[in-house]
């Protein structure tokens, strides 16, 4: 993240995004990744332990690049730590965030998706608190397609999602509560209620729910089937599979 505050970026975001997309932007806001580190912090894990976890994660990614790429893709949808999310009548776009001499300037289009069918939801307060999100920000979940990924594990996950009728990988981000961010939320979420079954940091399997909230019996069976498919495809390790299975069956 650069030197500009969210409010300063958001004041310029729609104008800059319009120049990049050559289209009229209805609303635009800066988005920040919400990672597993956010949830660890929210759970009271100390800074030293979180640093060691990050180091271990980077080592694992270096040793197994394909699996590391899969993890990054699931956690952030292939998007950077912060970016500009812009909405037009026909598309939703993630734009590179660039600054020059204290001003937001035009950056590249990182990814874009058709507006029709694109889904988003606002996170429930309990989940925002679990992610250590401050009162000036809110959690927004974007359901991002994985079918454009070059990572074989993500392609396998995308195939499983498509077979299950899922609209995309639920991926958590943080936005401000100013007028610009609220306009983006209104465009993408509208009257759709906040959805409790959001993944923690985008990792794991969609629909696992908030810890302590037991899924319905029918949902449990479907979740176990999806979990087994992800495990068989290599998208989940044995340990991740066992941990997620225990959450579903409540053990």
C-alpha atoms as a PDB file:
ATOM      1  CA  UNK A   1       0.000   0.000   0.000  1.00  0.00           C
ATOM      2  CA  UNK A   2       1.277   3.450  -0.867  1.00  0.00           C
ATOM      3  CA  UNK A   3       1.327   6.698   1.079  1.00  0.00           C
ATOM      4  CA  UNK A   4      -2.236   7.694   0.195  1.00  0.00           C
ATOM      5  CA  UNK A   5      -5.035   6.877   2.601  1.00  0.00           C
ATOM      6  CA  UNK A   6      -8.079   4.899   1.497  1.00  0.00           C
ATOM      7  CA  UNK A   7     -10.156   8.070   1.472  1.00  0.00           C
ATOM      8  CA  UNK A   8      -7.613   9.888  -0.735  1.00  0.00           C
ATOM      9  CA  UNK A   9      -7.411   6.950  -3.155  1.00  0.00           C
ATOM     10  CA  UNK A  10     -11.172   6.594  -3.311  1.00  0.00           C
ATOM     11  CA  UNK A  11     -11.650  10.255  -4.167  1.00  0.00           C
ATOM     12  CA  UNK A  12      -9.630   9.704  -7.349  1.00  0.00           C
ATOM     13  CA  UNK A  13     -10.364   6.026  -8.067  1.00  0.00           C
ATOM     14  CA  UNK A  14     -13.426   6.369 -10.315  1.00  0.00           C
ATOM     15  CA  UNK A  15     -11.841   9.035 -12.544  1.00  0.00           C
ATOM     16  CA  UNK A  16      -8.592   7.094 -12.936  1.00  0.00           C
ATOM     17  CA  UNK A  17     -10.434   3.817 -13.540  1.00  0.00           C
ATOM     18  CA  UNK A  18     -12.561   5.455 -16.267  1.00  0.00           C
ATOM     19  CA  UNK A  19      -9.405   6.553 -18.110  1.00  0.00           C
ATOM     20  CA  UNK A  20      -7.915   3.063 -17.897  1.00  0.00           C
ATOM     21  CA  UNK A  21     -11.046   1.180 -18.942  1.00  0.00           C
ATOM     22  CA  UNK A  22     -12.168   3.746 -21.547  1.00  0.00           C
ATOM     23  CA  UNK A  23     -15.614   3.348 -20.062  1.00  0.00           C
ATOM     24  CA  UNK A  24     -17.771   5.239 -17.598  1.00  0.00           C
ATOM     25  CA  UNK A  25     -17.099   3.901 -14.091  1.00  0.00           C
ATOM     26  CA  UNK A  26     -20.093   3.892 -11.792  1.00  0.00           C
ATOM     27  CA  UNK A  27     -18.090   3.319  -8.609  1.00  0.00           C
ATOM     28  CA  UNK A  28     -14.554   2.427  -7.589  1.00  0.00           C
ATOM     29  CA  UNK A  29     -12.701   1.775  -4.349  1.00  0.00           C
ATOM     30  CA  UNK A  30      -9.394   0.515  -3.014  1.00  0.00           C
ATOM     31  CA  UNK A  31      -9.519  -3.139  -1.896  1.00  0.00           C
ATOM     32  CA  UNK A  32      -7.134  -4.864   0.508  1.00  0.00           C
ATOM     33  CA  UNK A  33      -6.511  -8.588   0.802  1.00  0.00           C
ATOM     34  CA  UNK A  34      -7.784 -10.323   3.928  1.00  0.00           C
ATOM     35  CA  UNK A  35      -5.355 -13.161   4.595  1.00  0.00           C
ATOM     36  CA  UNK A  36      -4.953 -15.970   7.098  1.00  0.00           C
ATOM     37  CA  UNK A  37      -2.630 -13.635   8.984  1.00  0.00           C
ATOM     38  CA  UNK A  38      -5.591 -11.309   9.609  1.00  0.00           C
ATOM     39  CA  UNK A  39      -7.541 -14.157  11.148  1.00  0.00           C
ATOM     40  CA  UNK A  40      -4.541 -15.276  13.191  1.00  0.00           C
ATOM     41  CA  UNK A  41      -4.216 -11.734  14.544  1.00  0.00           C
ATOM     42  CA  UNK A  42      -7.934 -11.661  15.298  1.00  0.00           C
ATOM     43  CA  UNK A  43      -7.551 -14.911  17.210  1.00  0.00           C
ATOM     44  CA  UNK A  44      -4.872 -13.337  19.397  1.00  0.00           C
ATOM     45  CA  UNK A  45      -1.826 -14.995  17.825  1.00  0.00           C
ATOM     46  CA  UNK A  46       1.276 -12.921  18.586  1.00  0.00           C
ATOM     47  CA  UNK A  47       3.336 -11.094  15.989  1.00  0.00           C
ATOM     48  CA  UNK A  48       6.339 -13.393  16.405  1.00  0.00           C
ATOM     49  CA  UNK A  49       4.276 -16.528  15.805  1.00  0.00           C
ATOM     50  CA  UNK A  50       2.610 -14.959  12.786  1.00  0.00           C
ATOM     51  CA  UNK A  51       6.014 -14.010  11.345  1.00  0.00           C
ATOM     52  CA  UNK A  52       7.208 -17.598  11.722  1.00  0.00           C
ATOM     53  CA  UNK A  53       4.046 -18.852  10.043  1.00  0.00           C
ATOM     54  CA  UNK A  54       4.632 -16.474   7.116  1.00  0.00           C
ATOM     55  CA  UNK A  55       8.235 -17.647   6.825  1.00  0.00           C
ATOM     56  CA  UNK A  56       7.156 -21.281   6.838  1.00  0.00           C
ATOM     57  CA  UNK A  57       4.548 -20.537   4.201  1.00  0.00           C
ATOM     58  CA  UNK A  58       7.112 -18.862   1.933  1.00  0.00           C
ATOM     59  CA  UNK A  59       9.488 -21.796   2.359  1.00  0.00           C
ATOM     60  CA  UNK A  60       6.726 -24.203   1.414  1.00  0.00           C
ATOM     61  CA  UNK A  61       5.851 -22.131  -1.648  1.00  0.00           C
ATOM     62  CA  UNK A  62       9.499 -22.115  -2.727  1.00  0.00           C
ATOM     63  CA  UNK A  63       9.789 -25.884  -2.336  1.00  0.00           C
ATOM     64  CA  UNK A  64       6.467 -26.657  -4.030  1.00  0.00           C
ATOM     65  CA  UNK A  65       5.676 -23.794  -6.456  1.00  0.00           C
ATOM     66  CA  UNK A  66       2.533 -25.393  -7.896  1.00  0.00           C
ATOM     67  CA  UNK A  67       0.970 -25.912  -4.489  1.00  0.00           C
ATOM     68  CA  UNK A  68       2.134 -22.452  -3.410  1.00  0.00           C
ATOM     69  CA  UNK A  69       0.493 -20.927  -6.481  1.00  0.00           C
ATOM     70  CA  UNK A  70      -2.698 -22.801  -5.649  1.00  0.00           C
ATOM     71  CA  UNK A  71      -2.689 -21.441  -2.109  1.00  0.00           C
ATOM     72  CA  UNK A  72      -2.154 -17.869  -3.309  1.00  0.00           C
ATOM     73  CA  UNK A  73      -4.892 -18.259  -5.884  1.00  0.00           C
ATOM     74  CA  UNK A  74      -7.382 -19.521  -3.322  1.00  0.00           C
ATOM     75  CA  UNK A  75      -6.465 -16.887  -0.768  1.00  0.00           C
ATOM     76  CA  UNK A  76      -6.479 -13.805  -2.989  1.00  0.00           C
ATOM     77  CA  UNK A  77      -7.801 -14.862  -6.387  1.00  0.00           C
ATOM     78  CA  UNK A  78      -4.483 -13.954  -8.013  1.00  0.00           C
ATOM     79  CA  UNK A  79      -4.895 -10.315  -6.969  1.00  0.00           C
ATOM     80  CA  UNK A  80      -2.267  -8.141  -5.222  1.00  0.00           C
ATOM     81  CA  UNK A  81      -2.331  -6.968  -1.601  1.00  0.00           C
ATOM     82  CA  UNK A  82      -4.199  -3.818  -2.621  1.00  0.00           C
ATOM     83  CA  UNK A  83      -5.825  -2.780  -5.878  1.00  0.00           C
ATOM     84  CA  UNK A  84      -8.614  -0.652  -7.302  1.00  0.00           C
ATOM     85  CA  UNK A  85     -11.962  -2.375  -7.771  1.00  0.00           C
ATOM     86  CA  UNK A  86     -14.052  -0.608 -10.428  1.00  0.00           C
ATOM     87  CA  UNK A  87     -17.616  -1.225 -11.560  1.00  0.00           C
ATOM     88  CA  UNK A  88     -19.123  -0.227 -14.926  1.00  0.00           C
ATOM     89  CA  UNK A  89     -22.457  -1.172 -16.492  1.00  0.00           C
ATOM     90  CA  UNK A  90     -20.877  -4.168 -18.217  1.00  0.00           C
ATOM     91  CA  UNK A  91     -17.860  -5.232 -16.209  1.00  0.00           C
ATOM     92  CA  UNK A  92     -16.108  -5.472 -12.861  1.00  0.00           C
ATOM     93  CA  UNK A  93     -12.372  -4.820 -13.031  1.00  0.00           C
ATOM     94  CA  UNK A  94      -9.375  -5.043 -10.727  1.00  0.00           C
ATOM     95  CA  UNK A  95      -6.828  -2.352 -11.587  1.00  0.00           C
ATOM     96  CA  UNK A  96      -3.230  -1.907 -10.532  1.00  0.00           C
ATOM     97  CA  UNK A  97      -2.865   0.715  -7.816  1.00  0.00           C
ATOM     98  CA  UNK A  98      -0.131   3.212  -8.734  1.00  0.00           C
ATOM     99  CA  UNK A  99       0.882   6.480  -7.133  1.00  0.00           C
ATOM    100  CA  UNK A 100       3.056   9.337  -8.361  1.00  0.00           C
ATOM    101  CA  UNK A 101       3.906  12.403  -6.291  1.00  0.00           C
ATOM    102  CA  UNK A 102       1.036  11.809  -3.924  1.00  0.00           C
ATOM    103  CA  UNK A 103      -1.562  11.274  -6.638  1.00  0.00           C
ATOM    104  CA  UNK A 104      -3.249   8.148  -7.924  1.00  0.00           C
ATOM    105  CA  UNK A 105      -2.260   7.480 -11.546  1.00  0.00           C
ATOM    106  CA  UNK A 106      -3.394   5.044 -14.217  1.00  0.00           C
ATOM    107  CA  UNK A 107      -2.259   1.451 -13.800  1.00  0.00           C
ATOM    108  CA  UNK A 108      -2.799  -1.758 -15.740  1.00  0.00           C
ATOM    109  CA  UNK A 109      -5.940  -3.870 -15.725  1.00  0.00           C
ATOM    110  CA  UNK A 110      -5.095  -6.923 -13.632  1.00  0.00           C
ATOM    111  CA  UNK A 111      -8.317  -8.849 -14.206  1.00  0.00           C
ATOM    112  CA  UNK A 112     -11.838  -8.139 -15.368  1.00  0.00           C
ATOM    113  CA  UNK A 113     -15.103 -10.057 -15.282  1.00  0.00           C
ATOM    114  CA  UNK A 114     -18.517  -9.604 -16.931  1.00  0.00           C
ATOM    115  CA  UNK A 115     -20.840  -7.619 -14.674  1.00  0.00           C
ATOM    116  CA  UNK A 116     -23.686 -10.027 -15.378  1.00  0.00           C
ATOM    117  CA  UNK A 117     -23.477 -12.966 -13.010  1.00  0.00           C
ATOM    118  CA  UNK A 118     -20.725 -11.457 -10.852  1.00  0.00           C
ATOM    119  CA  UNK A 119     -21.522 -11.998  -7.179  1.00  0.00           C
ATOM    120  CA  UNK A 120     -20.428 -10.320  -3.978  1.00  0.00           C
ATOM    121  CA  UNK A 121     -21.629 -10.200  -0.384  1.00  0.00           C
ATOM    122  CA  UNK A 122     -20.857  -8.195   2.721  1.00  0.00           C
ATOM    123  CA  UNK A 123     -19.344 -10.063   5.642  1.00  0.00           C
ATOM    124  CA  UNK A 124     -21.191 -10.469   8.914  1.00  0.00           C
ATOM    125  CA  UNK A 125     -19.820  -8.469  11.883  1.00  0.00           C
ATOM    126  CA  UNK A 126     -18.556 -11.603  13.645  1.00  0.00           C
ATOM    127  CA  UNK A 127     -16.374 -12.516  10.687  1.00  0.00           C
ATOM    128  CA  UNK A 128     -15.036  -8.962  10.379  1.00  0.00           C
ATOM    129  CA  UNK A 129     -14.099  -9.084  14.054  1.00  0.00           C
ATOM    130  CA  UNK A 130     -12.421 -12.464  13.569  1.00  0.00           C
ATOM    131  CA  UNK A 131     -10.289 -10.912  10.814  1.00  0.00           C
ATOM    132  CA  UNK A 132      -9.236  -8.019  13.088  1.00  0.00           C
ATOM    133  CA  UNK A 133     -10.834  -5.474  10.760  1.00  0.00           C
ATOM    134  CA  UNK A 134     -11.071  -2.003  12.334  1.00  0.00           C
ATOM    135  CA  UNK A 135     -14.237   0.060  12.615  1.00  0.00           C
ATOM    136  CA  UNK A 136     -13.331   2.218   9.600  1.00  0.00           C
ATOM    137  CA  UNK A 137     -13.433  -0.770   7.232  1.00  0.00           C
ATOM    138  CA  UNK A 138     -15.781  -3.555   6.254  1.00  0.00           C
ATOM    139  CA  UNK A 139     -15.445  -7.036   4.847  1.00  0.00           C
ATOM    140  CA  UNK A 140     -16.611  -7.744   1.304  1.00  0.00           C
ATOM    141  CA  UNK A 141     -16.519 -11.184  -0.310  1.00  0.00           C
ATOM    142  CA  UNK A 142     -16.047 -11.447  -4.064  1.00  0.00           C
ATOM    143  CA  UNK A 143     -16.881 -14.733  -5.771  1.00  0.00           C
ATOM    144  CA  UNK A 144     -14.018 -14.946  -8.240  1.00  0.00           C
ATOM    145  CA  UNK A 145     -13.883 -17.426 -11.146  1.00  0.00           C
ATOM    146  CA  UNK A 146     -10.820 -19.685 -11.132  1.00  0.00           C
ATOM    147  CA  UNK A 147     -11.199 -20.959 -14.680  1.00  0.00           C
ATOM    148  CA  UNK A 148      -8.602 -18.553 -16.074  1.00  0.00           C
ATOM    149  CA  UNK A 149      -5.843 -19.882 -13.847  1.00  0.00           C
ATOM    150  CA  UNK A 150      -2.768 -21.628 -15.261  1.00  0.00           C
ATOM    151  CA  UNK A 151      -2.211 -23.540 -12.008  1.00  0.00           C
ATOM    152  CA  UNK A 152      -3.359 -27.152 -12.393  1.00  0.00           C
ATOM    153  CA  UNK A 153      -4.638 -27.350  -8.820  1.00  0.00           C
ATOM    154  CA  UNK A 154      -6.737 -24.229  -9.277  1.00  0.00           C
ATOM    155  CA  UNK A 155      -8.050 -25.590 -12.575  1.00  0.00           C
ATOM    156  CA  UNK A 156      -9.090 -28.754 -10.739  1.00  0.00           C
ATOM    157  CA  UNK A 157     -10.799 -26.658  -8.059  1.00  0.00           C
ATOM    158  CA  UNK A 158     -12.556 -24.616 -10.771  1.00  0.00           C
ATOM    159  CA  UNK A 159     -13.854 -27.804 -12.404  1.00  0.00           C
ATOM    160  CA  UNK A 160     -15.183 -29.015  -9.065  1.00  0.00           C
ATOM    161  CA  UNK A 161     -16.871 -25.683  -8.428  1.00  0.00           C
ATOM    162  CA  UNK A 162     -18.453 -25.693 -11.881  1.00  0.00           C
ATOM    163  CA  UNK A 163     -19.760 -29.232 -11.363  1.00  0.00           C
ATOM    164  CA  UNK A 164     -21.238 -28.158  -8.020  1.00  0.00           C
ATOM    165  CA  UNK A 165     -22.877 -25.102  -9.598  1.00  0.00           C
ATOM    166  CA  UNK A 166     -20.762 -22.626  -7.637  1.00  0.00           C
ATOM    167  CA  UNK A 167     -20.416 -19.115  -9.067  1.00  0.00           C
ATOM    168  CA  UNK A 168     -16.799 -18.644  -8.004  1.00  0.00           C
ATOM    169  CA  UNK A 169     -14.230 -18.868  -5.245  1.00  0.00           C
ATOM    170  CA  UNK A 170     -15.383 -16.799  -2.223  1.00  0.00           C
ATOM    171  CA  UNK A 171     -12.452 -14.472  -1.569  1.00  0.00           C
ATOM    172  CA  UNK A 172     -12.365 -11.964   1.276  1.00  0.00           C
ATOM    173  CA  UNK A 173     -11.276  -8.342   0.940  1.00  0.00           C
ATOM    174  CA  UNK A 174     -11.485  -5.211   3.051  1.00  0.00           C
ATOM    175  CA  UNK A 175     -12.855  -1.868   1.891  1.00  0.00           C
ATOM    176  CA  UNK A 176     -13.469   1.452   3.611  1.00  0.00           C
ATOM    177  CA  UNK A 177     -16.845   2.757   4.749  1.00  0.00           C
ATOM    178  CA  UNK A 178     -16.756   6.035   2.825  1.00  0.00           C
ATOM    179  CA  UNK A 179     -19.160   7.008   0.035  1.00  0.00           C
ATOM    180  CA  UNK A 180     -16.996   5.533  -2.752  1.00  0.00           C
ATOM    181  CA  UNK A 181     -16.677   2.136  -1.106  1.00  0.00           C
ATOM    182  CA  UNK A 182     -20.350   2.100  -0.145  1.00  0.00           C
ATOM    183  CA  UNK A 183     -21.246   2.826  -3.775  1.00  0.00           C
ATOM    184  CA  UNK A 184     -19.238  -0.204  -4.918  1.00  0.00           C
ATOM    185  CA  UNK A 185     -20.911  -2.376  -2.286  1.00  0.00           C
ATOM    186  CA  UNK A 186     -24.332  -1.103  -3.369  1.00  0.00           C
ATOM    187  CA  UNK A 187     -23.612  -1.903  -7.023  1.00  0.00           C
ATOM    188  CA  UNK A 188     -22.218  -5.390  -6.408  1.00  0.00           C
ATOM    189  CA  UNK A 189     -24.193  -6.515  -3.383  1.00  0.00           C
ATOM    190  CA  UNK A 190     -27.371  -4.449  -3.576  1.00  0.00           C
ATOM    191  CA  UNK A 191     -30.047  -5.918  -1.363  1.00  0.00           C
ATOM    192  CA  UNK A 192     -28.320  -9.284  -1.036  1.00  0.00           C
ATOM    193  CA  UNK A 193     -27.937 -10.039   2.684  1.00  0.00           C
ATOM    194  CA  UNK A 194     -24.586 -10.664   4.304  1.00  0.00           C
ATOM    195  CA  UNK A 195     -23.641 -14.301   3.880  1.00  0.00           C
ATOM    196  CA  UNK A 196     -22.348 -16.197   6.937  1.00  0.00           C
ATOM    197  CA  UNK A 197     -20.840 -19.130   5.017  1.00  0.00           C
ATOM    198  CA  UNK A 198     -17.676 -17.310   3.959  1.00  0.00           C
ATOM    199  CA  UNK A 199     -14.254 -18.876   3.878  1.00  0.00           C
ATOM    200  CA  UNK A 200     -11.631 -17.760   6.317  1.00  0.00           C
ATOM    201  CA  UNK A 201      -9.193 -15.774   4.203  1.00  0.00           C
ATOM    202  CA  UNK A 202     -10.330 -17.568   1.087  1.00  0.00           C
ATOM    203  CA  UNK A 203      -8.630 -20.784   2.156  1.00  0.00           C
ATOM    204  CA  UNK A 204     -10.381 -24.099   2.466  1.00  0.00           C
ATOM    205  CA  UNK A 205     -13.715 -25.052   0.944  1.00  0.00           C
ATOM    206  CA  UNK A 206     -16.647 -22.748   0.329  1.00  0.00           C
ATOM    207  CA  UNK A 207     -19.596 -23.021   2.660  1.00  0.00           C
ATOM    208  CA  UNK A 208     -17.681 -24.300   5.679  1.00  0.00           C
ATOM    209  CA  UNK A 209     -19.336 -21.587   7.757  1.00  0.00           C
ATOM    210  CA  UNK A 210     -18.262 -19.577  10.741  1.00  0.00           C
ATOM    211  CA  UNK A 211     -16.553 -21.589  13.489  1.00  0.00           C
ATOM    212  CA  UNK A 212     -19.084 -22.822  15.988  1.00  0.00           C
ATOM    213  CA  UNK A 213     -21.981 -22.629  13.533  1.00  0.00           C
ATOM    214  CA  UNK A 214     -23.065 -26.150  12.648  1.00  0.00           C
ATOM    215  CA  UNK A 215     -24.222 -26.699   9.045  1.00  0.00           C
ATOM    216  CA  UNK A 216     -27.489 -28.380   8.226  1.00  0.00           C
ATOM    217  CA  UNK A 217     -27.382 -32.155   7.764  1.00  0.00           C
ATOM    218  CA  UNK A 218     -27.906 -31.986   4.013  1.00  0.00           C
ATOM    219  CA  UNK A 219     -25.254 -29.312   3.696  1.00  0.00           C
ATOM    220  CA  UNK A 220     -22.792 -31.461   5.656  1.00  0.00           C
ATOM    221  CA  UNK A 221     -23.060 -34.313   3.169  1.00  0.00           C
ATOM    222  CA  UNK A 222     -22.509 -31.995   0.199  1.00  0.00           C
ATOM    223  CA  UNK A 223     -19.588 -30.287   1.931  1.00  0.00           C
ATOM    224  CA  UNK A 224     -17.923 -33.623   2.707  1.00  0.00           C
ATOM    225  CA  UNK A 225     -18.279 -34.676  -0.914  1.00  0.00           C
ATOM    226  CA  UNK A 226     -16.686 -31.421  -2.143  1.00  0.00           C
ATOM    227  CA  UNK A 227     -13.950 -31.773   0.458  1.00  0.00           C
ATOM    228  CA  UNK A 228     -13.155 -35.304  -0.688  1.00  0.00           C
ATOM    229  CA  UNK A 229     -12.986 -34.156  -4.299  1.00  0.00           C
ATOM    230  CA  UNK A 230     -10.575 -31.338  -3.442  1.00  0.00           C
ATOM    231  CA  UNK A 231      -8.426 -33.747  -1.445  1.00  0.00           C
ATOM    232  CA  UNK A 232      -8.377 -36.261  -4.279  1.00  0.00           C
ATOM    233  CA  UNK A 233      -7.400 -33.560  -6.774  1.00  0.00           C
ATOM    234  CA  UNK A 234      -4.443 -32.540  -4.618  1.00  0.00           C
ATOM    235  CA  UNK A 235      -5.875 -29.125  -3.783  1.00  0.00           C
ATOM    236  CA  UNK A 236      -5.890 -30.014  -0.069  1.00  0.00           C
ATOM    237  CA  UNK A 237      -3.167 -31.728   1.932  1.00  0.00           C
ATOM    238  CA  UNK A 238      -3.962 -34.653   4.247  1.00  0.00           C
ATOM    239  CA  UNK A 239      -3.748 -32.329   7.237  1.00  0.00           C
ATOM    240  CA  UNK A 240      -6.020 -29.696   5.666  1.00  0.00           C
ATOM    241  CA  UNK A 241      -8.493 -32.392   4.661  1.00  0.00           C
ATOM    242  CA  UNK A 242      -8.601 -33.826   8.194  1.00  0.00           C
ATOM    243  CA  UNK A 243      -8.995 -30.378   9.787  1.00  0.00           C
ATOM    244  CA  UNK A 244     -11.823 -29.288   7.483  1.00  0.00           C
ATOM    245  CA  UNK A 245     -13.585 -32.637   7.827  1.00  0.00           C
ATOM    246  CA  UNK A 246     -13.480 -32.321  11.604  1.00  0.00           C
ATOM    247  CA  UNK A 247     -15.070 -28.845  11.356  1.00  0.00           C
ATOM    248  CA  UNK A 248     -17.919 -30.149   9.201  1.00  0.00           C
ATOM    249  CA  UNK A 249     -18.808 -33.131  11.360  1.00  0.00           C
ATOM    250  CA  UNK A 250     -18.298 -31.124  14.526  1.00  0.00           C
ATOM    251  CA  UNK A 251     -15.506 -33.157  16.080  1.00  0.00           C
END
